Amino acid sequence: MGLSKKADSLWIKWVHTYIIKGQNMWHMVIPADCSWTIRKIFQLRESCQPLILYKVGNDNSTFAWLDNWHPLGPLYKKYGTRIRADIGQSLSAKVFSLIHNGGWKWPRGRNRIMREVKDFTPEGFLPDVSMEDSVIWIPSKNGIFSMKSAWNTIRRVLPAQEWCKVVWFKGHVPRWAFILWMAMQIRLNTKDRLSLWAIVSDASCVLCDCDLVESHNHLFFDCCYSSAVSTEVLRRNHVDRAPMRCDDEKEWFNLHSKGDSMRKCVLKLSLAAAIYCIWRERNARIFQHKRVDRGSLAATVCNPIRDALLSWRLLDSSQGNKDICREWSIL
């Protein structure tokens, strides 16, 4: 977007001076000696050009046949090489050369291309000679580029998952939340997945040292080792029950952790910390051949939860919050 409108940036000015060199950025050949970054940016031109609209003014910067300013889109892309011979103008011609007394002065000729361009030019579609040419980012309501509008344009939109607020909430710890997010989607590289790709031959769980296959459901919920750790963490949150299966845990947390109260946030934080520490213990046993017993790991989970709570600020001084702070030895 910045390249197309020559934004006031040192890097963009450098690209225009040494890479584009007055050519049309949508039509030029990518220089063989440019950097990997610039090459990748130019390779996105086909997907980006329909999203950028040029508003014609009194400037001499918009290309008549190559830029996206007309209701038909980039005219060269629509009509191809015929446009040069039929209209008799260079591809480097600017829209400014087509403006006369605030209206359009089309090239003479009665060829089909020129007639079609004139027919598809609405009567009210006139250059704004009171201002310079400008660039509009179509996906944004105000025409100004933003990363959010660009991401919403290219991403595949799926229905929001009910458990998303269990993972992402005010006060979450990023590394814990990321592992929990991966686990919720069954995307961690557990041994059952690795065995399908023939990466491992032994798919048994390393935490409980049994012959059961290490799947997401077993590793985090069914395994006797992780179940003992999770039970202790739940007990610290006044939840007296054993861990359930993955789908049941999702449903339970969706129901019991709604809201932004400190009690609810601590419960969600505890889940993320438990999943993260169990995954880290699993990796330590496989790659570093180090082992921690379940009691020590439960303490390892609770200590960083307390540390995370110490970093929280601007909590109200209600009696409930004070009780939680005492429970986690913060007061």
C-alpha atoms as a PDB file:
ATOM      1  CA  MET A   1       0.000   0.000   0.000  1.00  0.00           C
ATOM      2  CA  GLY A   2       2.802   2.387   0.911  1.00  0.00           C
ATOM      3  CA  LEU A   3       4.662   1.561  -2.310  1.00  0.00           C
ATOM      4  CA  SER A   4       1.603   2.293  -4.442  1.00  0.00           C
ATOM      5  CA  LYS A   5       1.067   5.796  -3.037  1.00  0.00           C
ATOM      6  CA  LYS A   6       4.743   6.684  -2.497  1.00  0.00           C
ATOM      7  CA  ALA A   7       4.278   7.173   1.225  1.00  0.00           C
ATOM      8  CA  ASP A   8       6.621   9.514   3.053  1.00  0.00           C
ATOM      9  CA  SER A   9       8.972   6.798   4.252  1.00  0.00           C
ATOM     10  CA  LEU A  10      12.737   6.570   3.734  1.00  0.00           C
ATOM     11  CA  TRP A  11      12.541   2.880   2.774  1.00  0.00           C
ATOM     12  CA  ILE A  12       9.695   3.454   0.280  1.00  0.00           C
ATOM     13  CA  LYS A  13      11.548   6.382  -1.265  1.00  0.00           C
ATOM     14  CA  TRP A  14      14.619   4.147  -1.594  1.00  0.00           C
ATOM     15  CA  VAL A  15      12.570   1.419  -3.332  1.00  0.00           C
ATOM     16  CA  HIS A  16      11.090   3.937  -5.777  1.00  0.00           C
ATOM     17  CA  THR A  17      14.497   5.443  -6.500  1.00  0.00           C
ATOM     18  CA  TYR A  18      16.586   2.289  -6.897  1.00  0.00           C
ATOM     19  CA  ILE A  19      14.086  -0.499  -7.684  1.00  0.00           C
ATOM     20  CA  ILE A  20      10.978   0.924  -9.399  1.00  0.00           C
ATOM     21  CA  LYS A  21      12.807   3.814 -11.121  1.00  0.00           C
ATOM     22  CA  GLY A  22       9.689   5.515 -12.461  1.00  0.00           C
ATOM     23  CA  GLN A  23       8.136   2.321 -13.816  1.00  0.00           C
ATOM     24  CA  ASN A  24       4.672   1.055 -12.980  1.00  0.00           C
ATOM     25  CA  MET A  25       5.033  -1.236  -9.974  1.00  0.00           C
ATOM     26  CA  TRP A  26       2.132  -3.451 -11.123  1.00  0.00           C
ATOM     27  CA  HIS A  27       3.607  -4.122 -14.566  1.00  0.00           C
ATOM     28  CA  MET A  28       7.371  -3.937 -14.165  1.00  0.00           C
ATOM     29  CA  VAL A  29       9.648  -6.965 -14.243  1.00  0.00           C
ATOM     30  CA  ILE A  30      11.051  -7.873 -10.828  1.00  0.00           C
ATOM     31  CA  PRO A  31      14.779  -6.983 -10.861  1.00  0.00           C
ATOM     32  CA  ALA A  32      17.052 -10.010 -10.694  1.00  0.00           C
ATOM     33  CA  ASP A  33      19.367  -8.366  -8.160  1.00  0.00           C
ATOM     34  CA  CYS A  34      16.728  -7.246  -5.632  1.00  0.00           C
ATOM     35  CA  SER A  35      16.547  -8.635  -2.106  1.00  0.00           C
ATOM     36  CA  TRP A  36      14.430 -11.599  -1.015  1.00  0.00           C
ATOM     37  CA  THR A  37      12.060  -9.264   0.883  1.00  0.00           C
ATOM     38  CA  ILE A  38      11.385  -7.008  -2.091  1.00  0.00           C
ATOM     39  CA  ARG A  39      10.954 -10.016  -4.384  1.00  0.00           C
ATOM     40  CA  LYS A  40       8.317 -11.498  -2.052  1.00  0.00           C
ATOM     41  CA  ILE A  41       6.481  -8.158  -1.854  1.00  0.00           C
ATOM     42  CA  PHE A  42       6.352  -7.859  -5.640  1.00  0.00           C
ATOM     43  CA  GLN A  43       5.135 -11.450  -5.944  1.00  0.00           C
ATOM     44  CA  LEU A  44       1.976 -10.408  -4.049  1.00  0.00           C
ATOM     45  CA  ARG A  45       0.992  -7.864  -6.705  1.00  0.00           C
ATOM     46  CA  GLU A  46      -1.689 -10.033  -8.365  1.00  0.00           C
ATOM     47  CA  SER A  47      -3.601 -10.474  -5.111  1.00  0.00           C
ATOM     48  CA  CYS A  48      -3.093  -6.893  -3.890  1.00  0.00           C
ATOM     49  CA  GLN A  49      -3.938  -4.834  -6.994  1.00  0.00           C
ATOM     50  CA  PRO A  50      -7.733  -5.462  -6.880  1.00  0.00           C
ATOM     51  CA  LEU A  51      -7.725  -4.148  -3.299  1.00  0.00           C
ATOM     52  CA  ILE A  52      -6.119  -0.796  -4.156  1.00  0.00           C
ATOM     53  CA  LEU A  53      -8.089   1.903  -5.984  1.00  0.00           C
ATOM     54  CA  TYR A  54      -6.577   5.063  -7.436  1.00  0.00           C
ATOM     55  CA  LYS A  55      -8.692   8.200  -7.151  1.00  0.00           C
ATOM     56  CA  VAL A  56      -7.809  10.530 -10.012  1.00  0.00           C
ATOM     57  CA  GLY A  57      -7.083  14.190  -9.293  1.00  0.00           C
ATOM     58  CA  ASN A  58      -4.866  16.801 -10.860  1.00  0.00           C
ATOM     59  CA  ASP A  59      -1.607  14.917 -10.285  1.00  0.00           C
ATOM     60  CA  ASN A  60       0.506  13.221 -12.932  1.00  0.00           C
ATOM     61  CA  SER A  61       1.132   9.994 -11.038  1.00  0.00           C
ATOM     62  CA  THR A  62      -1.641   7.503 -11.970  1.00  0.00           C
ATOM     63  CA  PHE A  63      -0.972   5.286 -15.004  1.00  0.00           C
ATOM     64  CA  ALA A  64      -3.890   5.340 -17.453  1.00  0.00           C
ATOM     65  CA  TRP A  65      -3.699   1.732 -18.669  1.00  0.00           C
ATOM     66  CA  LEU A  66      -1.906  -0.075 -15.832  1.00  0.00           C
ATOM     67  CA  ASP A  67      -3.372   1.241 -12.554  1.00  0.00           C
ATOM     68  CA  ASN A  68      -6.737   0.321 -11.015  1.00  0.00           C
ATOM     69  CA  TRP A  69      -8.631   3.616 -11.354  1.00  0.00           C
ATOM     70  CA  HIS A  70     -11.400   2.885 -13.907  1.00  0.00           C
ATOM     71  CA  PRO A  71     -14.660   0.995 -13.132  1.00  0.00           C
ATOM     72  CA  LEU A  72     -13.423  -1.726 -15.519  1.00  0.00           C
ATOM     73  CA  GLY A  73     -10.284  -2.197 -13.425  1.00  0.00           C
ATOM     74  CA  PRO A  74      -6.745  -2.059 -14.845  1.00  0.00           C
ATOM     75  CA  LEU A  75      -7.419  -1.605 -18.563  1.00  0.00           C
ATOM     76  CA  TYR A  76      -4.230  -3.309 -19.713  1.00  0.00           C
ATOM     77  CA  LYS A  77      -5.111  -6.397 -17.680  1.00  0.00           C
ATOM     78  CA  LYS A  78      -8.577  -6.484 -19.284  1.00  0.00           C
ATOM     79  CA  TYR A  79      -7.594  -5.880 -22.914  1.00  0.00           C
ATOM     80  CA  GLY A  80      -3.989  -7.063 -23.024  1.00  0.00           C
ATOM     81  CA  THR A  81      -1.408  -5.975 -25.591  1.00  0.00           C
ATOM     82  CA  ARG A  82      -4.121  -4.903 -28.083  1.00  0.00           C
ATOM     83  CA  ILE A  83      -4.674  -1.716 -26.134  1.00  0.00           C
ATOM     84  CA  ARG A  84      -1.306  -0.303 -27.172  1.00  0.00           C
ATOM     85  CA  ALA A  85      -1.940  -0.757 -30.925  1.00  0.00           C
ATOM     86  CA  ASP A  86      -5.669   0.125 -30.897  1.00  0.00           C
ATOM     87  CA  ILE A  87      -5.342   3.304 -28.840  1.00  0.00           C
ATOM     88  CA  GLY A  88      -1.907   4.385 -30.027  1.00  0.00           C
ATOM     89  CA  GLN A  89      -0.582   5.433 -26.612  1.00  0.00           C
ATOM     90  CA  SER A  90       2.335   4.233 -24.567  1.00  0.00           C
ATOM     91  CA  LEU A  91       1.627   2.036 -21.545  1.00  0.00           C
ATOM     92  CA  SER A  92       3.427   4.648 -19.459  1.00  0.00           C
ATOM     93  CA  ALA A  93       0.771   7.275 -20.326  1.00  0.00           C
ATOM     94  CA  LYS A  94      -0.784   8.911 -17.280  1.00  0.00           C
ATOM     95  CA  VAL A  95      -4.471   9.554 -16.598  1.00  0.00           C
ATOM     96  CA  PHE A  96      -3.629  13.258 -16.442  1.00  0.00           C
ATOM     97  CA  SER A  97      -3.193  13.179 -20.250  1.00  0.00           C
ATOM     98  CA  LEU A  98      -6.865  12.130 -20.573  1.00  0.00           C
ATOM     99  CA  ILE A  99      -8.206  15.072 -18.548  1.00  0.00           C
ATOM    100  CA  HIS A 100      -9.396  18.303 -20.175  1.00  0.00           C
ATOM    101  CA  ASN A 101     -11.381  21.080 -18.469  1.00  0.00           C
ATOM    102  CA  GLY A 102     -12.419  18.812 -15.611  1.00  0.00           C
ATOM    103  CA  GLY A 103     -13.705  16.075 -17.928  1.00  0.00           C
ATOM    104  CA  TRP A 104     -12.358  13.251 -20.077  1.00  0.00           C
ATOM    105  CA  LYS A 105     -10.527  13.653 -23.339  1.00  0.00           C
ATOM    106  CA  TRP A 106     -10.351  10.132 -24.726  1.00  0.00           C
ATOM    107  CA  PRO A 107      -7.965   9.178 -27.535  1.00  0.00           C
ATOM    108  CA  ARG A 108      -9.502   9.496 -30.991  1.00  0.00           C
ATOM    109  CA  GLY A 109     -10.570   6.361 -32.747  1.00  0.00           C
ATOM    110  CA  ARG A 110     -13.604   4.185 -33.225  1.00  0.00           C
ATOM    111  CA  ASN A 111     -12.082   0.859 -32.226  1.00  0.00           C
ATOM    112  CA  ARG A 112     -13.978  -1.557 -30.000  1.00  0.00           C
ATOM    113  CA  ILE A 113     -11.754  -1.089 -26.943  1.00  0.00           C
ATOM    114  CA  MET A 114     -12.139   2.666 -26.834  1.00  0.00           C
ATOM    115  CA  ARG A 115     -15.912   2.458 -27.336  1.00  0.00           C
ATOM    116  CA  GLU A 116     -16.215  -0.026 -24.509  1.00  0.00           C
ATOM    117  CA  VAL A 117     -14.103   2.098 -22.144  1.00  0.00           C
ATOM    118  CA  LYS A 118     -16.305   5.128 -22.898  1.00  0.00           C
ATOM    119  CA  ASP A 119     -19.537   3.121 -22.478  1.00  0.00           C
ATOM    120  CA  PHE A 120     -18.458   1.820 -19.063  1.00  0.00           C
ATOM    121  CA  THR A 121     -17.442   5.255 -17.786  1.00  0.00           C
ATOM    122  CA  PRO A 122     -20.388   6.591 -15.729  1.00  0.00           C
ATOM    123  CA  GLU A 123     -21.435  10.187 -16.334  1.00  0.00           C
ATOM    124  CA  GLY A 124     -20.697  11.137 -12.755  1.00  0.00           C
ATOM    125  CA  PHE A 125     -17.257   9.486 -12.827  1.00  0.00           C
ATOM    126  CA  LEU A 126     -15.053  12.577 -13.211  1.00  0.00           C
ATOM    127  CA  PRO A 127     -11.561  13.506 -11.982  1.00  0.00           C
ATOM    128  CA  ASP A 128     -11.395  15.684  -8.888  1.00  0.00           C
ATOM    129  CA  VAL A 129      -9.088  18.385 -10.220  1.00  0.00           C
ATOM    130  CA  SER A 130      -9.169  20.235  -6.900  1.00  0.00           C
ATOM    131  CA  MET A 131      -6.860  17.692  -5.283  1.00  0.00           C
ATOM    132  CA  GLU A 132      -3.933  15.431  -6.091  1.00  0.00           C
ATOM    133  CA  ASP A 133      -4.224  11.756  -7.047  1.00  0.00           C
ATOM    134  CA  SER A 134      -4.812   9.537  -4.031  1.00  0.00           C
ATOM    135  CA  VAL A 135      -4.814   5.839  -3.209  1.00  0.00           C
ATOM    136  CA  ILE A 136      -7.748   4.121  -1.469  1.00  0.00           C
ATOM    137  CA  TRP A 137      -7.499   0.826   0.417  1.00  0.00           C
ATOM    138  CA  ILE A 138     -10.799  -0.821  -0.602  1.00  0.00           C
ATOM    139  CA  PRO A 139     -11.225  -3.295   2.324  1.00  0.00           C
ATOM    140  CA  SER A 140     -11.199  -0.436   4.858  1.00  0.00           C
ATOM    141  CA  LYS A 141     -14.289   1.722   5.408  1.00  0.00           C
ATOM    142  CA  ASN A 142     -12.251   4.924   5.592  1.00  0.00           C
ATOM    143  CA  GLY A 143      -9.943   3.951   2.718  1.00  0.00           C
ATOM    144  CA  ILE A 144      -6.863   3.900   4.950  1.00  0.00           C
ATOM    145  CA  PHE A 145      -4.715   0.789   5.138  1.00  0.00           C
ATOM    146  CA  SER A 146      -4.585  -1.145   8.399  1.00  0.00           C
ATOM    147  CA  MET A 147      -3.143  -4.535   9.302  1.00  0.00           C
ATOM    148  CA  LYS A 148      -6.518  -5.576  10.718  1.00  0.00           C
ATOM    149  CA  SER A 149      -8.375  -4.935   7.444  1.00  0.00           C
ATOM    150  CA  ALA A 150      -5.629  -6.681   5.450  1.00  0.00           C
ATOM    151  CA  TRP A 151      -5.737  -9.736   7.728  1.00  0.00           C
ATOM    152  CA  ASN A 152      -9.546  -9.912   7.599  1.00  0.00           C
ATOM    153  CA  THR A 153      -9.331  -9.799   3.793  1.00  0.00           C
ATOM    154  CA  ILE A 154      -6.882 -12.677   3.326  1.00  0.00           C
ATOM    155  CA  ARG A 155      -7.859 -14.952   6.194  1.00  0.00           C
ATOM    156  CA  ARG A 156     -10.358 -17.771   6.003  1.00  0.00           C
ATOM    157  CA  VAL A 157     -13.201 -16.871   8.355  1.00  0.00           C
ATOM    158  CA  LEU A 158     -14.460 -19.723  10.522  1.00  0.00           C
ATOM    159  CA  PRO A 159     -17.071 -19.744  13.289  1.00  0.00           C
ATOM    160  CA  ALA A 160     -15.712 -18.613  16.654  1.00  0.00           C
ATOM    161  CA  GLN A 161     -14.988 -21.501  19.029  1.00  0.00           C
ATOM    162  CA  GLU A 162     -16.722 -21.401  22.397  1.00  0.00           C
ATOM    163  CA  TRP A 163     -13.462 -22.253  24.170  1.00  0.00           C
ATOM    164  CA  CYS A 164     -11.521 -19.287  22.722  1.00  0.00           C
ATOM    165  CA  LYS A 165     -12.133 -17.159  25.830  1.00  0.00           C
ATOM    166  CA  VAL A 166     -10.839 -19.986  27.995  1.00  0.00           C
ATOM    167  CA  VAL A 167      -7.494 -19.611  26.200  1.00  0.00           C
ATOM    168  CA  TRP A 168      -7.321 -15.901  25.408  1.00  0.00           C
ATOM    169  CA  PHE A 169      -8.359 -13.594  28.238  1.00  0.00           C
ATOM    170  CA  LYS A 170      -7.007 -10.564  30.043  1.00  0.00           C
ATOM    171  CA  GLY A 171      -4.116 -11.796  32.178  1.00  0.00           C
ATOM    172  CA  HIS A 172      -3.199 -14.874  30.103  1.00  0.00           C
ATOM    173  CA  VAL A 173       0.458 -15.907  29.866  1.00  0.00           C
ATOM    174  CA  PRO A 174       1.330 -16.060  26.147  1.00  0.00           C
ATOM    175  CA  ARG A 175       3.465 -19.223  26.162  1.00  0.00           C
ATOM    176  CA  TRP A 176       0.907 -21.099  28.273  1.00  0.00           C
ATOM    177  CA  ALA A 177      -1.986 -19.883  26.152  1.00  0.00           C
ATOM    178  CA  PHE A 178      -0.253 -20.908  22.917  1.00  0.00           C
ATOM    179  CA  ILE A 179       0.281 -24.505  24.065  1.00  0.00           C
ATOM    180  CA  LEU A 180      -3.291 -24.670  25.399  1.00  0.00           C
ATOM    181  CA  TRP A 181      -4.584 -23.293  22.084  1.00  0.00           C
ATOM    182  CA  MET A 182      -2.653 -25.987  20.187  1.00  0.00           C
ATOM    183  CA  ALA A 183      -3.908 -28.689  22.544  1.00  0.00           C
ATOM    184  CA  MET A 184      -7.532 -27.549  22.189  1.00  0.00           C
ATOM    185  CA  GLN A 185      -7.229 -27.978  18.429  1.00  0.00           C
ATOM    186  CA  ILE A 186      -5.437 -31.370  18.710  1.00  0.00           C
ATOM    187  CA  ARG A 187      -2.431 -29.893  16.918  1.00  0.00           C
ATOM    188  CA  LEU A 188       0.480 -30.713  19.221  1.00  0.00           C
ATOM    189  CA  ASN A 189       2.882 -33.330  17.873  1.00  0.00           C
ATOM    190  CA  THR A 190       1.910 -36.152  20.191  1.00  0.00           C
ATOM    191  CA  LYS A 191       3.258 -39.620  19.448  1.00  0.00           C
ATOM    192  CA  ASP A 192       0.037 -40.897  17.896  1.00  0.00           C
ATOM    193  CA  ARG A 193       0.343 -38.177  15.229  1.00  0.00           C
ATOM    194  CA  LEU A 194       4.079 -38.721  14.768  1.00  0.00           C
ATOM    195  CA  SER A 195       3.571 -42.463  14.293  1.00  0.00           C
ATOM    196  CA  LEU A 196       1.184 -41.773  11.397  1.00  0.00           C
ATOM    197  CA  TRP A 197       4.059 -39.989   9.655  1.00  0.00           C
ATOM    198  CA  ALA A 198       6.467 -42.834  10.542  1.00  0.00           C
ATOM    199  CA  ILE A 199       8.614 -40.470  12.624  1.00  0.00           C
ATOM    200  CA  VAL A 200       8.456 -42.602  15.790  1.00  0.00           C
ATOM    201  CA  SER A 201       8.032 -46.340  16.191  1.00  0.00           C
ATOM    202  CA  ASP A 202       7.097 -46.361  19.904  1.00  0.00           C
ATOM    203  CA  ALA A 203       3.907 -44.370  20.524  1.00  0.00           C
ATOM    204  CA  SER A 204       3.509 -45.245  24.219  1.00  0.00           C
ATOM    205  CA  CYS A 205       3.088 -42.539  26.871  1.00  0.00           C
ATOM    206  CA  VAL A 206       6.312 -41.540  28.646  1.00  0.00           C
ATOM    207  CA  LEU A 207       4.558 -40.052  31.677  1.00  0.00           C
ATOM    208  CA  CYS A 208       2.803 -43.131  33.023  1.00  0.00           C
ATOM    209  CA  ASP A 209       5.263 -45.670  31.510  1.00  0.00           C
ATOM    210  CA  CYS A 210       2.498 -47.884  30.207  1.00  0.00           C
ATOM    211  CA  ASP A 211       1.661 -49.284  26.800  1.00  0.00           C
ATOM    212  CA  LEU A 212      -1.166 -46.834  26.180  1.00  0.00           C
ATOM    213  CA  VAL A 213      -0.825 -44.657  23.085  1.00  0.00           C
ATOM    214  CA  GLU A 214       0.141 -41.046  23.714  1.00  0.00           C
ATOM    215  CA  SER A 215      -2.758 -39.036  22.274  1.00  0.00           C
ATOM    216  CA  HIS A 216      -3.935 -35.576  23.291  1.00  0.00           C
ATOM    217  CA  ASN A 217      -6.755 -37.055  25.321  1.00  0.00           C
ATOM    218  CA  HIS A 218      -4.527 -39.565  27.111  1.00  0.00           C
ATOM    219  CA  LEU A 219      -1.550 -37.252  27.675  1.00  0.00           C
ATOM    220  CA  PHE A 220      -3.454 -34.380  29.284  1.00  0.00           C
ATOM    221  CA  PHE A 221      -6.521 -36.041  30.831  1.00  0.00           C
ATOM    222  CA  ASP A 222      -6.482 -39.872  31.019  1.00  0.00           C
ATOM    223  CA  CYS A 223      -2.856 -40.434  32.024  1.00  0.00           C
ATOM    224  CA  CYS A 224      -2.569 -41.203  35.748  1.00  0.00           C
ATOM    225  CA  TYR A 225       0.463 -38.888  36.027  1.00  0.00           C
ATOM    226  CA  SER A 226      -1.137 -35.833  34.405  1.00  0.00           C
ATOM    227  CA  SER A 227      -4.454 -36.608  36.093  1.00  0.00           C
ATOM    228  CA  ALA A 228      -2.802 -36.367  39.507  1.00  0.00           C
ATOM    229  CA  VAL A 229      -1.208 -33.042  38.575  1.00  0.00           C
ATOM    230  CA  SER A 230      -4.451 -31.607  37.198  1.00  0.00           C
ATOM    231  CA  THR A 231      -6.441 -32.806  40.224  1.00  0.00           C
ATOM    232  CA  GLU A 232      -4.090 -30.927  42.563  1.00  0.00           C
ATOM    233  CA  VAL A 233      -4.330 -27.757  40.472  1.00  0.00           C
ATOM    234  CA  LEU A 234      -8.134 -28.009  40.413  1.00  0.00           C
ATOM    235  CA  ARG A 235      -8.148 -28.539  44.184  1.00  0.00           C
ATOM    236  CA  ARG A 236      -6.256 -25.271  44.628  1.00  0.00           C
ATOM    237  CA  ASN A 237      -9.189 -23.644  42.794  1.00  0.00           C
ATOM    238  CA  HIS A 238     -11.782 -25.357  45.065  1.00  0.00           C
ATOM    239  CA  VAL A 239     -12.819 -27.788  42.312  1.00  0.00           C
ATOM    240  CA  ASP A 240     -13.095 -31.242  43.834  1.00  0.00           C
ATOM    241  CA  ARG A 241     -13.168 -33.616  40.875  1.00  0.00           C
ATOM    242  CA  ALA A 242     -10.893 -35.689  38.672  1.00  0.00           C
ATOM    243  CA  PRO A 243     -10.021 -34.544  35.135  1.00  0.00           C
ATOM    244  CA  MET A 244     -12.476 -35.569  32.424  1.00  0.00           C
ATOM    245  CA  ARG A 245     -11.978 -36.326  28.760  1.00  0.00           C
ATOM    246  CA  CYS A 246     -10.943 -33.527  26.422  1.00  0.00           C
ATOM    247  CA  ASP A 247     -14.380 -32.626  25.031  1.00  0.00           C
ATOM    248  CA  ASP A 248     -15.948 -32.801  28.504  1.00  0.00           C
ATOM    249  CA  GLU A 249     -13.225 -30.536  29.911  1.00  0.00           C
ATOM    250  CA  LYS A 250     -13.871 -27.990  27.158  1.00  0.00           C
ATOM    251  CA  GLU A 251     -17.571 -27.992  27.945  1.00  0.00           C
ATOM    252  CA  TRP A 252     -16.963 -27.729  31.705  1.00  0.00           C
ATOM    253  CA  PHE A 253     -14.555 -24.787  31.391  1.00  0.00           C
ATOM    254  CA  ASN A 254     -16.835 -23.041  28.888  1.00  0.00           C
ATOM    255  CA  LEU A 255     -19.590 -23.224  31.477  1.00  0.00           C
ATOM    256  CA  HIS A 256     -17.659 -22.529  34.688  1.00  0.00           C
ATOM    257  CA  SER A 257     -15.047 -19.988  33.620  1.00  0.00           C
ATOM    258  CA  LYS A 258     -17.206 -17.419  31.845  1.00  0.00           C
ATOM    259  CA  GLY A 259     -16.552 -13.853  32.890  1.00  0.00           C
ATOM    260  CA  ASP A 260     -13.596 -11.700  33.883  1.00  0.00           C
ATOM    261  CA  SER A 261     -13.739 -12.006  37.648  1.00  0.00           C
ATOM    262  CA  MET A 262     -10.472 -12.859  39.365  1.00  0.00           C
ATOM    263  CA  ARG A 263     -11.778 -16.281  40.406  1.00  0.00           C
ATOM    264  CA  LYS A 264     -12.684 -17.164  36.803  1.00  0.00           C
ATOM    265  CA  CYS A 265      -9.387 -15.843  35.409  1.00  0.00           C
ATOM    266  CA  VAL A 266      -7.343 -17.800  37.961  1.00  0.00           C
ATOM    267  CA  LEU A 267      -9.229 -20.946  36.983  1.00  0.00           C
ATOM    268  CA  LYS A 268      -8.443 -20.390  33.292  1.00  0.00           C
ATOM    269  CA  LEU A 269      -4.846 -19.535  34.116  1.00  0.00           C
ATOM    270  CA  SER A 270      -4.524 -22.742  36.114  1.00  0.00           C
ATOM    271  CA  LEU A 271      -5.721 -24.848  33.176  1.00  0.00           C
ATOM    272  CA  ALA A 272      -3.207 -23.227  30.825  1.00  0.00           C
ATOM    273  CA  ALA A 273      -0.359 -23.645  33.317  1.00  0.00           C
ATOM    274  CA  ALA A 274      -1.177 -27.318  33.894  1.00  0.00           C
ATOM    275  CA  ILE A 275      -1.320 -28.164  30.178  1.00  0.00           C
ATOM    276  CA  TYR A 276       1.902 -26.234  29.541  1.00  0.00           C
ATOM    277  CA  CYS A 277       3.852 -27.906  32.362  1.00  0.00           C
ATOM    278  CA  ILE A 278       2.617 -31.397  31.446  1.00  0.00           C
ATOM    279  CA  TRP A 279       3.718 -30.814  27.831  1.00  0.00           C
ATOM    280  CA  ARG A 280       7.088 -29.493  29.002  1.00  0.00           C
ATOM    281  CA  GLU A 281       7.602 -32.510  31.292  1.00  0.00           C
ATOM    282  CA  ARG A 282       6.756 -34.842  28.426  1.00  0.00           C
ATOM    283  CA  ASN A 283       9.360 -33.134  26.213  1.00  0.00           C
ATOM    284  CA  ALA A 284      11.982 -33.173  28.976  1.00  0.00           C
ATOM    285  CA  ARG A 285      11.610 -36.943  29.377  1.00  0.00           C
ATOM    286  CA  ILE A 286      11.905 -37.575  25.644  1.00  0.00           C
ATOM    287  CA  PHE A 287      14.664 -35.150  24.669  1.00  0.00           C
ATOM    288  CA  GLN A 288      16.629 -34.536  27.891  1.00  0.00           C
ATOM    289  CA  HIS A 289      15.951 -37.810  29.758  1.00  0.00           C
ATOM    290  CA  LYS A 290      14.977 -35.856  32.873  1.00  0.00           C
ATOM    291  CA  ARG A 291      12.112 -36.863  35.132  1.00  0.00           C
ATOM    292  CA  VAL A 292      10.075 -35.061  37.789  1.00  0.00           C
ATOM    293  CA  ASP A 293       7.600 -36.908  40.030  1.00  0.00           C
ATOM    294  CA  ARG A 294       3.950 -35.908  39.922  1.00  0.00           C
ATOM    295  CA  GLY A 295       3.982 -34.183  43.314  1.00  0.00           C
ATOM    296  CA  SER A 296       6.922 -31.976  42.377  1.00  0.00           C
ATOM    297  CA  LEU A 297       5.331 -31.113  39.031  1.00  0.00           C
ATOM    298  CA  ALA A 298       2.090 -30.083  40.739  1.00  0.00           C
ATOM    299  CA  ALA A 299       4.114 -27.648  42.859  1.00  0.00           C
ATOM    300  CA  THR A 300       5.929 -26.513  39.718  1.00  0.00           C
ATOM    301  CA  VAL A 301       2.562 -25.684  38.156  1.00  0.00           C
ATOM    302  CA  CYS A 302       1.270 -23.746  41.158  1.00  0.00           C
ATOM    303  CA  ASN A 303       4.394 -21.617  41.689  1.00  0.00           C
ATOM    304  CA  PRO A 304       4.319 -19.869  38.269  1.00  0.00           C
ATOM    305  CA  ILE A 305       0.553 -19.337  38.662  1.00  0.00           C
ATOM    306  CA  ARG A 306       1.301 -17.437  41.867  1.00  0.00           C
ATOM    307  CA  ASP A 307       4.057 -15.486  40.090  1.00  0.00           C
ATOM    308  CA  ALA A 308       1.636 -14.567  37.292  1.00  0.00           C
ATOM    309  CA  LEU A 309      -0.938 -13.372  39.835  1.00  0.00           C
ATOM    310  CA  LEU A 310       1.690 -11.158  41.453  1.00  0.00           C
ATOM    311  CA  SER A 311       2.060  -9.306  38.146  1.00  0.00           C
ATOM    312  CA  TRP A 312      -1.643  -8.442  37.900  1.00  0.00           C
ATOM    313  CA  ARG A 313      -2.461  -4.806  38.578  1.00  0.00           C
ATOM    314  CA  LEU A 314      -5.528  -2.639  39.198  1.00  0.00           C
ATOM    315  CA  LEU A 315      -7.575  -5.390  40.834  1.00  0.00           C
ATOM    316  CA  ASP A 316     -10.459  -4.209  42.984  1.00  0.00           C
ATOM    317  CA  SER A 317     -10.047  -4.744  46.715  1.00  0.00           C
ATOM    318  CA  SER A 318     -13.166  -6.843  47.176  1.00  0.00           C
ATOM    319  CA  GLN A 319     -13.295  -9.471  49.881  1.00  0.00           C
ATOM    320  CA  GLY A 320     -13.438 -12.227  47.248  1.00  0.00           C
ATOM    321  CA  ASN A 321     -10.237 -11.048  45.597  1.00  0.00           C
ATOM    322  CA  LYS A 322      -8.525 -10.772  48.963  1.00  0.00           C
ATOM    323  CA  ASP A 323      -9.516 -14.361  49.766  1.00  0.00           C
ATOM    324  CA  ILE A 324      -8.020 -15.538  46.462  1.00  0.00           C
ATOM    325  CA  CYS A 325      -4.784 -13.677  47.197  1.00  0.00           C
ATOM    326  CA  ARG A 326      -4.555 -15.342  50.606  1.00  0.00           C
ATOM    327  CA  GLU A 327      -5.207 -18.770  49.060  1.00  0.00           C
ATOM    328  CA  TRP A 328      -2.258 -18.269  46.689  1.00  0.00           C
ATOM    329  CA  SER A 329      -0.042 -16.755  49.431  1.00  0.00           C
ATOM    330  CA  ILE A 330       0.042 -13.328  47.809  1.00  0.00           C
ATOM    331  CA  LEU A 331      -1.116 -11.385  50.915  1.00  0.00           C
END
